[in-house]
Amino acid sequence: MRVKSIFSSNLFRDRVAIVTGGATGIGAAIANELCYLGCNVMIASRNTERLKAAANAMNNNTELRGEASYVKCNIRSESDVKSLTKTTLKRFGKIDYLVNNGGGQFISPAEHISVKGWNAVIETNMTGTFYCSKQVYLDWMSKNGGAIVNISADNWRGIPGMAHTSAARAGVDNLTKTLSLEWVENNVRINSIASGVIDSSTSTARANYADPKIFDSTIKQIPASRLGLPEEISSCVCFLLSPAAEYITGETLKVDGGGSLYGSFLDAILKHTRRSGQPATSPK
């Protein structure tokens, strides 16, 4: 992955970040840009092979100034999250930043979402964010300060066909506000990014599995007339982690090409669910 950044090359020199879901898509873009800016990065997800490949690619990229390492972690497991923070501290000695990017969902009409499916999405997107934030705070940031960025979704008017993730993302938005107030005295800043439709390898695969033309339809609902890029999320993450954002906490930044100001850019999903009447789950 070739990395470009508008930020100073040594902005995060000798800093340490955890990026969940850091092996693919938006998470990989975030991890690469942080490393490019001198940050040592611990990436985490459930897939060891992807993690190993991503970390090796980063460490073999001569453009990147930081070091990448990885830990297999299911963020729905509190014990896994505890192991993630302990391993990071053992490897790098501190945790300056946490990027809660790990998540997942599937497309389905609400009436067809099973209890198991509902719980899986809520636990991954909301509970996992809480576990990671809490553990990083307890193990390091409560005494040393730091910054957390949560990657969420543009759900202000609901996400048709994704009632589970819409509820979870709303929870993350309020969790961001609440934790920012509770932890501000310990010099911990917490913000979120509400992502619009991003054209990453993982999102494209999932959307195409449900409907090959979903992305073509959503573009018509985005004032910018295009999909976002993973690098456009990573640059916003770097800003929110940087000293330039030291007086910003408890906020959610929409990065959606103006989609939240216009018609629902997920109308295509709503039409799909109404047409099929059946769940359209993404590949495992």
Protein backbone atom coordinates (compact mmCIF):
# COMPACT_ATOMS: atom_id res chain seq x y z
CA MET A 1 0.00 0.00 0.00
CA ARG A 2 1.41 3.35 -1.05
CA VAL A 3 0.75 5.95 1.64
CA LYS A 4 0.34 9.69 1.33
CA SER A 5 -0.36 12.12 4.14
CA ILE A 6 -0.78 15.86 4.52
CA PHE A 7 0.68 15.68 8.03
CA SER A 8 4.27 16.16 9.15
CA SER A 9 6.29 12.99 8.64
CA ASN A 10 7.25 12.70 12.32
CA LEU A 11 3.88 13.73 13.78
CA PHE A 12 3.49 10.48 15.74
CA ARG A 13 7.14 9.54 16.16
CA ASP A 14 7.64 7.11 19.07
CA ARG A 15 3.91 7.03 19.76
CA VAL A 16 1.96 3.75 20.08
CA ALA A 17 -1.51 2.98 18.76
CA ILE A 18 -3.88 0.03 18.79
CA VAL A 19 -6.07 -0.29 15.71
CA THR A 20 -8.80 -2.93 15.86
CA GLY A 21 -9.86 -4.36 12.53
CA GLY A 22 -6.51 -3.09 11.31
CA ALA A 23 -5.68 -5.72 8.69
CA THR A 24 -8.13 -4.72 5.95
CA GLY A 25 -10.20 -1.85 4.59
CA ILE A 26 -10.45 1.35 6.60
CA GLY A 27 -8.47 -0.14 9.48
CA ALA A 28 -5.54 -0.98 7.22
CA ALA A 29 -5.53 2.56 5.81
CA ILE A 30 -5.48 3.97 9.34
CA ALA A 31 -2.69 1.66 10.48
CA ASN A 32 -0.58 2.43 7.42
CA GLU A 33 -0.90 6.20 7.73
CA LEU A 34 -0.09 6.09 11.45
CA CYS A 35 3.02 4.04 10.69
CA TYR A 36 3.91 6.42 7.88
CA LEU A 37 3.83 9.22 10.45
CA GLY A 38 6.18 7.37 12.80
CA CYS A 39 3.70 5.61 15.08
CA ASN A 40 4.22 2.03 16.25
CA VAL A 41 0.97 0.19 15.63
CA MET A 42 -0.59 -2.94 17.07
CA ILE A 43 -3.29 -4.23 14.72
CA ALA A 44 -5.91 -6.67 15.95
CA SER A 45 -8.69 -8.80 14.49
CA ARG A 46 -9.93 -12.39 14.55
CA ASN A 47 -8.05 -13.49 11.43
CA THR A 48 -4.43 -14.36 12.16
CA GLU A 49 -3.43 -14.88 8.52
CA ARG A 50 -4.69 -11.46 7.47
CA LEU A 51 -3.03 -9.83 10.47
CA LYS A 52 0.30 -11.47 9.76
CA ALA A 53 0.17 -10.52 6.07
CA ALA A 54 -0.79 -6.93 6.85
CA ALA A 55 1.91 -6.50 9.51
CA ASN A 56 4.58 -8.02 7.24
CA ALA A 57 3.57 -5.73 4.38
CA MET A 58 3.79 -2.69 6.63
CA ASN A 59 7.17 -3.66 8.06
CA ASN A 60 8.53 -4.30 4.57
CA ASN A 61 7.33 -0.94 3.30
CA THR A 62 10.33 1.39 3.42
CA GLU A 63 8.04 4.44 3.34
CA LEU A 64 6.66 3.60 6.78
CA ARG A 65 8.63 4.89 9.75
CA GLY A 66 6.82 3.07 12.54
CA GLU A 67 6.73 -0.62 13.39
CA ALA A 68 3.72 -2.88 13.04
CA SER A 69 2.84 -5.84 15.21
CA TYR A 70 -0.35 -7.86 15.60
CA VAL A 71 -2.51 -9.75 18.09
CA LYS A 72 -5.40 -12.05 17.33
CA CYS A 73 -8.34 -10.61 19.24
CA ASN A 74 -12.10 -11.05 19.26
CA ILE A 75 -13.26 -7.69 20.63
CA ARG A 76 -16.48 -9.36 21.82
CA SER A 77 -14.34 -11.23 24.36
CA GLU A 78 -13.26 -9.24 27.41
CA SER A 79 -10.41 -11.68 28.07
CA ASP A 80 -9.14 -11.25 24.50
CA VAL A 81 -9.21 -7.48 24.90
CA LYS A 82 -7.28 -7.69 28.16
CA SER A 83 -4.67 -9.81 26.38
CA LEU A 84 -4.51 -7.24 23.56
CA THR A 85 -3.65 -4.35 25.87
CA LYS A 86 -1.19 -6.39 27.91
CA THR A 87 0.59 -7.63 24.80
CA THR A 88 0.79 -4.08 23.42
CA LEU A 89 2.27 -2.76 26.66
CA LYS A 90 4.76 -5.61 26.77
CA ARG A 91 5.79 -5.01 23.15
CA PHE A 92 5.82 -1.21 22.98
CA GLY A 93 5.72 -0.02 26.60
CA LYS A 94 2.72 2.30 26.34
CA ILE A 95 -0.58 3.01 24.55
CA ASP A 96 -1.00 6.59 23.37
CA TYR A 97 -3.90 6.00 20.99
CA LEU A 98 -6.76 3.59 20.44
CA VAL A 99 -8.73 3.41 17.21
CA ASN A 100 -11.89 1.34 17.64
CA ASN A 101 -12.39 0.34 14.03
CA GLY A 102 -13.39 -3.31 14.44
CA GLY A 103 -17.01 -3.98 13.53
CA GLY A 104 -19.37 -5.94 11.36
CA GLN A 105 -22.96 -6.28 10.24
CA PHE A 106 -25.17 -7.88 7.63
CA ILE A 107 -28.12 -6.68 5.57
CA SER A 108 -31.55 -7.91 6.61
CA PRO A 109 -35.09 -6.66 7.22
CA ALA A 110 -35.51 -6.15 10.97
CA GLU A 111 -38.19 -8.84 11.26
CA HIS A 112 -35.77 -11.46 9.97
CA ILE A 113 -32.88 -10.64 12.32
CA SER A 114 -32.43 -13.49 14.79
CA VAL A 115 -31.53 -12.98 18.42
CA LYS A 116 -28.12 -14.48 17.69
CA GLY A 117 -27.57 -12.11 14.77
CA TRP A 118 -28.75 -9.11 16.77
CA ASN A 119 -26.48 -9.89 19.71
CA ALA A 120 -23.48 -10.55 17.47
CA VAL A 121 -23.72 -7.12 15.82
CA ILE A 122 -24.43 -5.24 19.05
CA GLU A 123 -21.56 -6.99 20.83
CA THR A 124 -19.11 -6.37 17.99
CA ASN A 125 -19.91 -2.75 17.23
CA MET A 126 -20.88 -1.36 20.63
CA THR A 127 -19.78 -3.74 23.39
CA GLY A 128 -16.41 -4.33 21.71
CA THR A 129 -15.84 -0.58 21.56
CA PHE A 130 -16.61 -0.36 25.27
CA TYR A 131 -14.35 -3.28 26.19
CA CYS A 132 -11.39 -1.85 24.30
CA SER A 133 -11.86 1.69 25.58
CA LYS A 134 -12.30 0.55 29.17
CA GLN A 135 -9.27 -1.74 29.15
CA VAL A 136 -6.95 0.79 27.53
CA TYR A 137 -8.11 3.35 30.08
CA LEU A 138 -7.55 1.00 33.03
CA ASP A 139 -4.19 -0.31 31.86
CA TRP A 140 -2.62 2.95 30.68
CA MET A 141 -4.61 6.07 29.87
CA SER A 142 -6.11 6.69 33.31
CA LYS A 143 -2.64 7.64 34.56
CA ASN A 144 -0.95 8.73 31.35
CA GLY A 145 -3.65 10.30 29.19
CA GLY A 146 -4.27 9.53 25.55
CA ALA A 147 -6.74 9.77 22.70
CA ILE A 148 -9.41 7.41 21.38
CA VAL A 149 -11.22 7.53 18.05
CA ASN A 150 -14.26 5.36 17.38
CA ILE A 151 -15.14 4.53 13.78
CA SER A 152 -18.92 4.56 13.53
CA ALA A 153 -21.49 5.08 10.77
CA ASP A 154 -23.70 7.85 9.44
CA ASN A 155 -26.93 6.68 11.04
CA TRP A 156 -28.68 9.92 11.98
CA ARG A 157 -31.87 9.06 10.10
CA GLY A 158 -31.65 5.33 10.57
CA ILE A 159 -30.03 2.65 8.41
CA PRO A 160 -32.76 0.68 6.64
CA GLY A 161 -31.93 -2.98 6.42
CA MET A 162 -29.48 -2.69 9.30
CA ALA A 163 -31.51 -2.07 12.46
CA HIS A 164 -28.90 -3.87 14.58
CA THR A 165 -25.90 -1.81 13.51
CA SER A 166 -27.92 1.41 13.52
CA ALA A 167 -28.78 0.83 17.17
CA ALA A 168 -25.19 -0.12 17.98
CA ARG A 169 -23.73 2.95 16.25
CA ALA A 170 -26.15 5.23 18.08
CA GLY A 171 -24.88 3.64 21.28
CA VAL A 172 -21.29 4.32 20.26
CA ASP A 173 -22.15 7.97 19.59
CA ASN A 174 -23.49 8.41 23.12
CA LEU A 175 -20.75 6.28 24.63
CA THR A 176 -18.26 8.66 23.03
CA LYS A 177 -19.94 11.63 24.70
CA THR A 178 -20.29 9.95 28.08
CA LEU A 179 -16.75 8.58 28.33
CA SER A 180 -15.30 11.88 27.14
CA LEU A 181 -16.95 13.58 30.13
CA GLU A 182 -15.95 10.89 32.62
CA TRP A 183 -12.31 10.69 31.53
CA VAL A 184 -11.48 14.27 30.56
CA GLU A 185 -9.93 14.95 33.98
CA ASN A 186 -7.41 12.21 33.23
CA ASN A 187 -6.41 13.93 29.98
CA VAL A 188 -8.15 11.38 27.79
CA ARG A 189 -9.91 12.64 24.67
CA ILE A 190 -12.54 10.54 22.87
CA ASN A 191 -14.11 11.34 19.51
CA SER A 192 -15.91 9.42 16.78
CA ILE A 193 -16.02 9.46 13.01
CA ALA A 194 -19.38 8.74 11.39
CA SER A 195 -18.39 7.25 8.08
CA GLY A 196 -20.51 7.45 4.98
CA VAL A 197 -20.27 4.82 2.24
CA ILE A 198 -16.59 3.99 1.77
CA ASP A 199 -15.28 2.12 -1.23
CA SER A 200 -13.01 -0.35 0.53
CA SER A 201 -12.33 -3.95 -0.46
CA THR A 202 -14.36 -5.35 2.43
CA SER A 203 -17.37 -3.05 2.08
CA THR A 204 -17.53 -3.60 -1.66
CA ALA A 205 -17.50 -7.37 -1.24
CA ARG A 206 -20.33 -7.26 1.30
CA ALA A 207 -22.49 -4.87 -0.67
CA ASN A 208 -22.01 -6.74 -3.92
CA TYR A 209 -22.98 -9.97 -2.18
CA ALA A 210 -26.33 -8.41 -1.33
CA ASP A 211 -26.90 -6.47 -4.55
CA PRO A 212 -24.29 -5.87 -7.28
CA LYS A 213 -25.68 -2.39 -7.97
CA ILE A 214 -26.04 -1.09 -4.40
CA PHE A 215 -23.04 1.23 -4.62
CA ASP A 216 -24.14 2.59 -7.99
CA SER A 217 -27.51 3.47 -6.49
CA THR A 218 -26.09 5.06 -3.34
CA ILE A 219 -23.85 7.42 -5.32
CA LYS A 220 -26.98 9.14 -6.61
CA GLN A 221 -27.88 10.03 -3.02
CA ILE A 222 -24.48 11.53 -2.14
CA PRO A 223 -24.04 15.26 -2.95
CA ALA A 224 -20.31 14.68 -3.58
CA SER A 225 -21.38 12.25 -6.35
CA ARG A 226 -18.88 9.60 -5.33
CA LEU A 227 -18.01 7.11 -2.64
CA GLY A 228 -15.46 7.91 0.02
CA LEU A 229 -11.99 6.37 0.21
CA PRO A 230 -10.43 4.61 3.21
CA GLU A 231 -7.62 7.19 3.16
CA GLU A 232 -10.18 9.95 3.69
CA ILE A 233 -11.19 8.32 6.95
CA SER A 234 -7.60 7.70 8.07
CA SER A 235 -6.62 11.35 7.56
CA CYS A 236 -9.50 12.42 9.82
CA VAL A 237 -8.42 9.88 12.43
CA CYS A 238 -4.90 11.28 12.37
CA PHE A 239 -6.26 14.80 12.83
CA LEU A 240 -8.37 13.78 15.84
CA LEU A 241 -5.40 11.98 17.42
CA SER A 242 -3.03 14.88 16.75
CA PRO A 243 -2.18 17.91 18.90
CA ALA A 244 -4.29 20.00 16.49
CA ALA A 245 -7.39 18.45 18.12
CA GLU A 246 -6.32 18.76 21.74
CA TYR A 247 -9.40 20.88 22.58
CA ILE A 248 -11.85 18.53 20.85
CA THR A 249 -13.52 15.75 22.78
CA GLY A 250 -16.92 14.07 22.83
CA GLU A 251 -17.61 14.94 19.19
CA THR A 252 -18.68 12.86 16.21
CA LEU A 253 -17.32 14.01 12.86
CA LYS A 254 -19.38 13.08 9.80
CA VAL A 255 -17.26 12.07 6.83
CA ASP A 256 -19.86 11.31 4.20
CA GLY A 257 -19.60 13.68 1.24
CA GLY A 258 -22.69 15.51 2.48
CA GLY A 259 -24.80 12.36 2.45
CA SER A 260 -26.38 13.07 5.83
CA LEU A 261 -27.70 16.39 4.49
CA TYR A 262 -29.47 14.83 1.54
CA GLY A 263 -31.66 11.79 0.84
CA SER A 264 -30.77 8.57 2.58
CA PHE A 265 -27.77 7.16 0.72
CA LEU A 266 -28.87 3.73 1.87
CA ASP A 267 -32.17 3.86 0.01
CA ALA A 268 -30.80 1.12 -2.23
CA ILE A 269 -30.53 -1.19 0.77
CA LEU A 270 -34.10 -0.36 1.82
CA LYS A 271 -35.36 -1.14 -1.68
CA HIS A 272 -33.41 -4.38 -1.69
CA THR A 273 -34.83 -5.56 1.64
CA ARG A 274 -38.37 -4.65 0.63
CA ARG A 275 -37.98 -6.40 -2.69
CA SER A 276 -36.49 -9.60 -1.31
CA GLY A 277 -38.26 -9.76 2.03
CA GLN A 278 -35.42 -11.99 3.18
CA PRO A 279 -32.08 -11.47 4.91
CA ALA A 280 -29.13 -10.74 2.63
CA THR A 281 -26.22 -11.62 4.84
CA SER A 282 -22.63 -10.86 3.98
CA PRO A 283 -20.06 -13.63 3.48
CA LYS A 284 -18.59 -15.08 6.66
